[in-house]
Each structure stands twice: as structure tokens, then as C-alpha cells.
């Protein structure tokens, strides 16, 4: 299986395909407005990638990066092609793009009482299989709370927090803590 990535451009077929999967993959309270994400990706700090297997759209990733760190803010596989290895292929491509920089992502915390606890556990296992380690650090975006996973658990959280503030002009209240 060979996948290729391309940048998400405004009002293209890619724009529409990614938007549809973005809206299906993330609940409204976890999404940022789509159009500003695309526009923000024109800046050096952000990239919005669509992934294809030949001509079939298989997923997307929205990443923030600086010379010191790499943050996968959104990653989703097209629900029409789940469980075919595309998520791991996308992560493999992103790891190559990040090079030696530490990579961070945030997932819903492991909460036994959550209605989607099975989905959360599967997501955790997927990222662990792909080289991420669950930490006892948490990321707050407004009132939403996420648990941080890192490729290098010794990476300073300030690298990622500063990147988020820079990427979104301090318009979104963001905080990272250790618990």
C-alpha cells in the first residue's frame, strides 16, 4: 500500500473530502472552525494534509510544527476505509516529516465511565502501537480536557504550549498541566 499526501487547498475537491470526514470524525465540541484551519495552514507553523491511496481519499492530518517540536492536532481516517492500515501509514509519514523532533498528540482521557470508553481504549492502543507513550500530562482547550501522548516523554510541554499559542494567536484558551 502506497499513500501520498497533498496539501488541503481552499474550495478544491480535497477541501470538500477532508471537511466531510472532519465533521464526521470529531464531535462539534472538539472541532475548531474548518475554514480558519485551512486558512491558518497557509502559515509556516501549520500544515493540513490529505492522504490518498491512488485516487481514493483515505484520511487527513492537521499538524503544527516548529524547528523544535511537532504537534498532531487532528488525524482521521476516512470511515469508509477504516481498519486497512491507513492510520499507521499516515503516522509513519508524519514521523518522517517530523524527523528528530518530538511529536505530541492529545486524546480523550482514559475514563472508565465515559460512554465511548471502548473507542478511547482502541485509540490509545493504536497510538501506543505506533510509538507514542501516554503521559500524565493534560492539555486543556477551553473547557475540553485531553491526555497527552508523546514520542519522547521527556519533551518539555512548554514547546507545545508555546506552539499552540503562536498558531492560534492566543485566541483559544490553552493550558497544559501535569497531574
Protein backbone atom coordinates (compact mmCIF):
# COMPACT_ATOMS: atom_id res chain seq x y z
CA UNK A 1 0.00 0.00 0.00
CA UNK A 2 1.41 3.33 -1.07
CA UNK A 3 -0.14 6.56 0.12
CA UNK A 4 0.58 10.09 -0.98
CA UNK A 5 -0.19 13.36 0.71
CA UNK A 6 -1.25 16.67 -0.67
CA UNK A 7 -1.98 19.98 0.97
CA UNK A 8 -5.60 20.87 1.53
CA UNK A 9 -6.46 23.87 -0.63
CA UNK A 10 -9.46 26.14 -0.48
CA UNK A 11 -12.56 25.07 -2.40
CA UNK A 12 -10.91 22.09 -4.09
CA UNK A 13 -12.16 18.51 -4.18
CA UNK A 14 -9.65 17.82 -1.38
CA UNK A 15 -11.14 20.64 0.70
CA UNK A 16 -14.62 19.09 0.47
CA UNK A 17 -13.47 15.49 1.10
CA UNK A 18 -11.45 16.44 4.17
CA UNK A 19 -14.24 18.67 5.50
CA UNK A 20 -16.77 15.82 5.27
CA UNK A 21 -14.53 13.40 7.19
CA UNK A 22 -13.54 16.10 9.71
CA UNK A 23 -17.20 16.77 10.50
CA UNK A 24 -18.00 13.04 10.80
CA UNK A 25 -14.89 12.19 12.85
CA UNK A 26 -14.91 14.83 15.57
CA UNK A 27 -17.83 15.90 17.77
CA UNK A 28 -18.74 19.59 17.42
CA UNK A 29 -17.34 20.48 20.86
CA UNK A 30 -13.91 19.08 19.85
CA UNK A 31 -13.70 20.78 16.44
CA UNK A 32 -12.18 24.11 15.56
CA UNK A 33 -13.89 26.04 12.74
CA UNK A 34 -12.87 24.38 9.46
CA UNK A 35 -12.35 27.41 7.22
CA UNK A 36 -9.94 29.15 9.67
CA UNK A 37 -7.98 25.88 9.99
CA UNK A 38 -7.48 25.82 6.24
CA UNK A 39 -6.52 29.50 6.11
CA UNK A 40 -4.17 29.04 9.09
CA UNK A 41 -2.41 26.25 7.21
CA UNK A 42 -1.04 28.83 4.80
CA UNK A 43 1.23 29.95 7.63
CA UNK A 44 4.59 28.26 8.15
CA UNK A 45 3.57 26.83 11.55
CA UNK A 46 0.62 24.74 10.27
CA UNK A 47 0.06 22.10 7.60
CA UNK A 48 -3.19 20.50 6.52
CA UNK A 49 -2.58 17.24 4.66
CA UNK A 50 -4.98 15.00 2.78
CA UNK A 51 -3.87 11.41 2.14
CA UNK A 52 -4.69 9.27 -0.88
CA UNK A 53 -4.18 5.69 -1.97
CA UNK A 54 -4.04 6.26 -5.72
CA UNK A 55 -7.13 8.46 -6.21
CA UNK A 56 -9.04 7.23 -3.14
CA UNK A 57 -9.17 9.70 -0.24
CA UNK A 58 -8.12 7.78 2.89
CA UNK A 59 -7.59 10.38 5.62
CA UNK A 60 -6.12 13.65 6.78
CA UNK A 61 -3.84 15.24 9.35
CA UNK A 62 -3.58 18.78 10.65
CA UNK A 63 -0.18 19.43 12.21
CA UNK A 64 1.65 22.28 13.85
CA UNK A 65 5.41 22.38 13.69
CA UNK A 66 8.37 24.48 14.68
CA UNK A 67 12.06 23.70 14.45
CA UNK A 68 11.82 22.13 17.93
CA UNK A 69 8.52 20.23 18.05
CA UNK A 70 5.67 18.66 16.06
CA UNK A 71 2.05 18.51 17.20
CA UNK A 72 -0.61 16.36 15.50
CA UNK A 73 -3.72 18.38 16.27
CA UNK A 74 -6.16 16.34 14.16
CA UNK A 75 -5.80 12.98 12.47
CA UNK A 76 -8.64 10.96 10.99
CA UNK A 77 -9.03 8.06 8.61
CA UNK A 78 -11.93 8.14 6.20
CA UNK A 79 -14.59 5.99 7.88
CA UNK A 80 -15.22 4.25 4.53
CA UNK A 81 -11.74 2.66 4.68
CA UNK A 82 -11.13 2.02 8.40
CA UNK A 83 -9.00 -0.93 9.59
CA UNK A 84 -6.86 -1.18 6.47
CA UNK A 85 -3.64 0.25 7.92
CA UNK A 86 -4.07 3.80 6.64
CA UNK A 87 -3.84 5.40 10.08
CA UNK A 88 -0.46 3.78 10.70
CA UNK A 89 0.73 4.79 7.22
CA UNK A 90 -0.30 8.39 7.86
CA UNK A 91 1.53 8.38 11.21
CA UNK A 92 4.59 6.87 9.53
CA UNK A 93 4.58 9.74 7.02
CA UNK A 94 4.16 12.33 9.78
CA UNK A 95 7.01 10.79 11.80
CA UNK A 96 9.22 11.05 8.74
CA UNK A 97 8.12 14.68 8.27
CA UNK A 98 8.90 15.45 11.94
CA UNK A 99 12.39 13.96 11.71
CA UNK A 100 14.09 14.03 15.10
CA UNK A 101 11.60 16.47 16.64
CA UNK A 102 9.40 15.13 19.44
CA UNK A 103 5.79 14.55 18.39
CA UNK A 104 2.80 15.24 20.60
CA UNK A 105 -0.85 14.44 20.20
CA UNK A 106 -3.77 14.61 22.59
CA UNK A 107 -6.51 12.03 23.15
CA UNK A 108 -9.58 11.87 25.31
CA UNK A 109 -8.50 10.76 28.81
CA UNK A 110 -8.95 7.15 29.86
CA UNK A 111 -12.16 7.37 31.86
CA UNK A 112 -13.91 4.12 32.71
CA UNK A 113 -17.24 5.90 32.96
CA UNK A 114 -17.09 7.56 29.54
CA UNK A 115 -19.81 6.46 27.13
CA UNK A 116 -17.15 5.90 24.44
CA UNK A 117 -14.57 4.16 26.69
CA UNK A 118 -14.12 1.25 24.23
CA UNK A 119 -13.32 3.69 21.42
CA UNK A 120 -10.90 5.58 23.71
CA UNK A 121 -9.07 2.35 24.62
CA UNK A 122 -8.78 1.36 20.94
CA UNK A 123 -7.41 4.80 20.10
CA UNK A 124 -4.86 4.56 22.93
CA UNK A 125 -3.75 1.08 21.78
CA UNK A 126 -3.42 2.32 18.19
CA UNK A 127 -1.15 5.21 19.16
CA UNK A 128 0.91 3.02 21.50
CA UNK A 129 1.44 0.52 18.65
CA UNK A 130 2.69 3.45 16.60
CA UNK A 131 5.34 4.59 19.09
CA UNK A 132 3.53 7.09 21.32
CA UNK A 133 3.60 6.95 25.11
CA UNK A 134 0.73 8.04 27.33
CA UNK A 135 1.81 10.64 29.87
CA UNK A 136 0.26 12.09 33.00
CA UNK A 137 0.18 15.48 31.28
CA UNK A 138 -3.07 17.08 30.20
CA UNK A 139 -3.98 19.61 27.55
CA UNK A 140 -6.92 21.95 28.05
CA UNK A 141 -8.54 23.70 25.12
CA UNK A 142 -11.22 25.88 26.58
CA UNK A 143 -13.27 23.52 28.77
CA UNK A 144 -12.16 20.36 26.93
CA UNK A 145 -9.55 18.15 28.62
CA UNK A 146 -7.22 15.78 26.75
CA UNK A 147 -4.41 13.47 27.81
CA UNK A 148 -1.05 13.98 26.12
CA UNK A 149 0.87 11.30 24.25
CA UNK A 150 4.47 11.85 23.18
CA UNK A 151 7.11 10.08 21.13
CA UNK A 152 9.63 11.34 23.68
CA UNK A 153 8.04 11.56 27.15
CA UNK A 154 10.89 13.81 28.36
CA UNK A 155 9.93 16.59 25.93
CA UNK A 156 9.15 19.88 27.69
CA UNK A 157 5.45 20.73 27.45
CA UNK A 158 6.33 24.40 27.04
CA UNK A 159 7.47 23.64 23.46
CA UNK A 160 3.97 22.52 22.56
CA UNK A 161 2.09 25.09 24.60
CA UNK A 162 4.07 27.93 23.02
CA UNK A 163 3.45 26.46 19.57
CA UNK A 164 -0.31 26.39 20.17
CA UNK A 165 -0.39 29.99 21.36
CA UNK A 166 1.65 31.05 18.33
CA UNK A 167 -0.50 29.07 15.90
CA UNK A 168 -3.83 30.42 17.15
CA UNK A 169 -2.75 33.93 18.20
CA UNK A 170 -3.78 33.28 21.82
CA UNK A 171 -7.44 33.36 20.66
CA UNK A 172 -8.13 29.88 22.04
CA UNK A 173 -7.57 29.43 25.79
CA UNK A 174 -4.93 26.70 26.03
CA UNK A 175 -3.20 25.25 29.06
CA UNK A 176 -1.02 22.20 29.68
CA UNK A 177 -0.59 20.65 33.10
CA UNK A 178 0.93 17.66 34.84
CA UNK A 179 -1.33 15.69 37.19
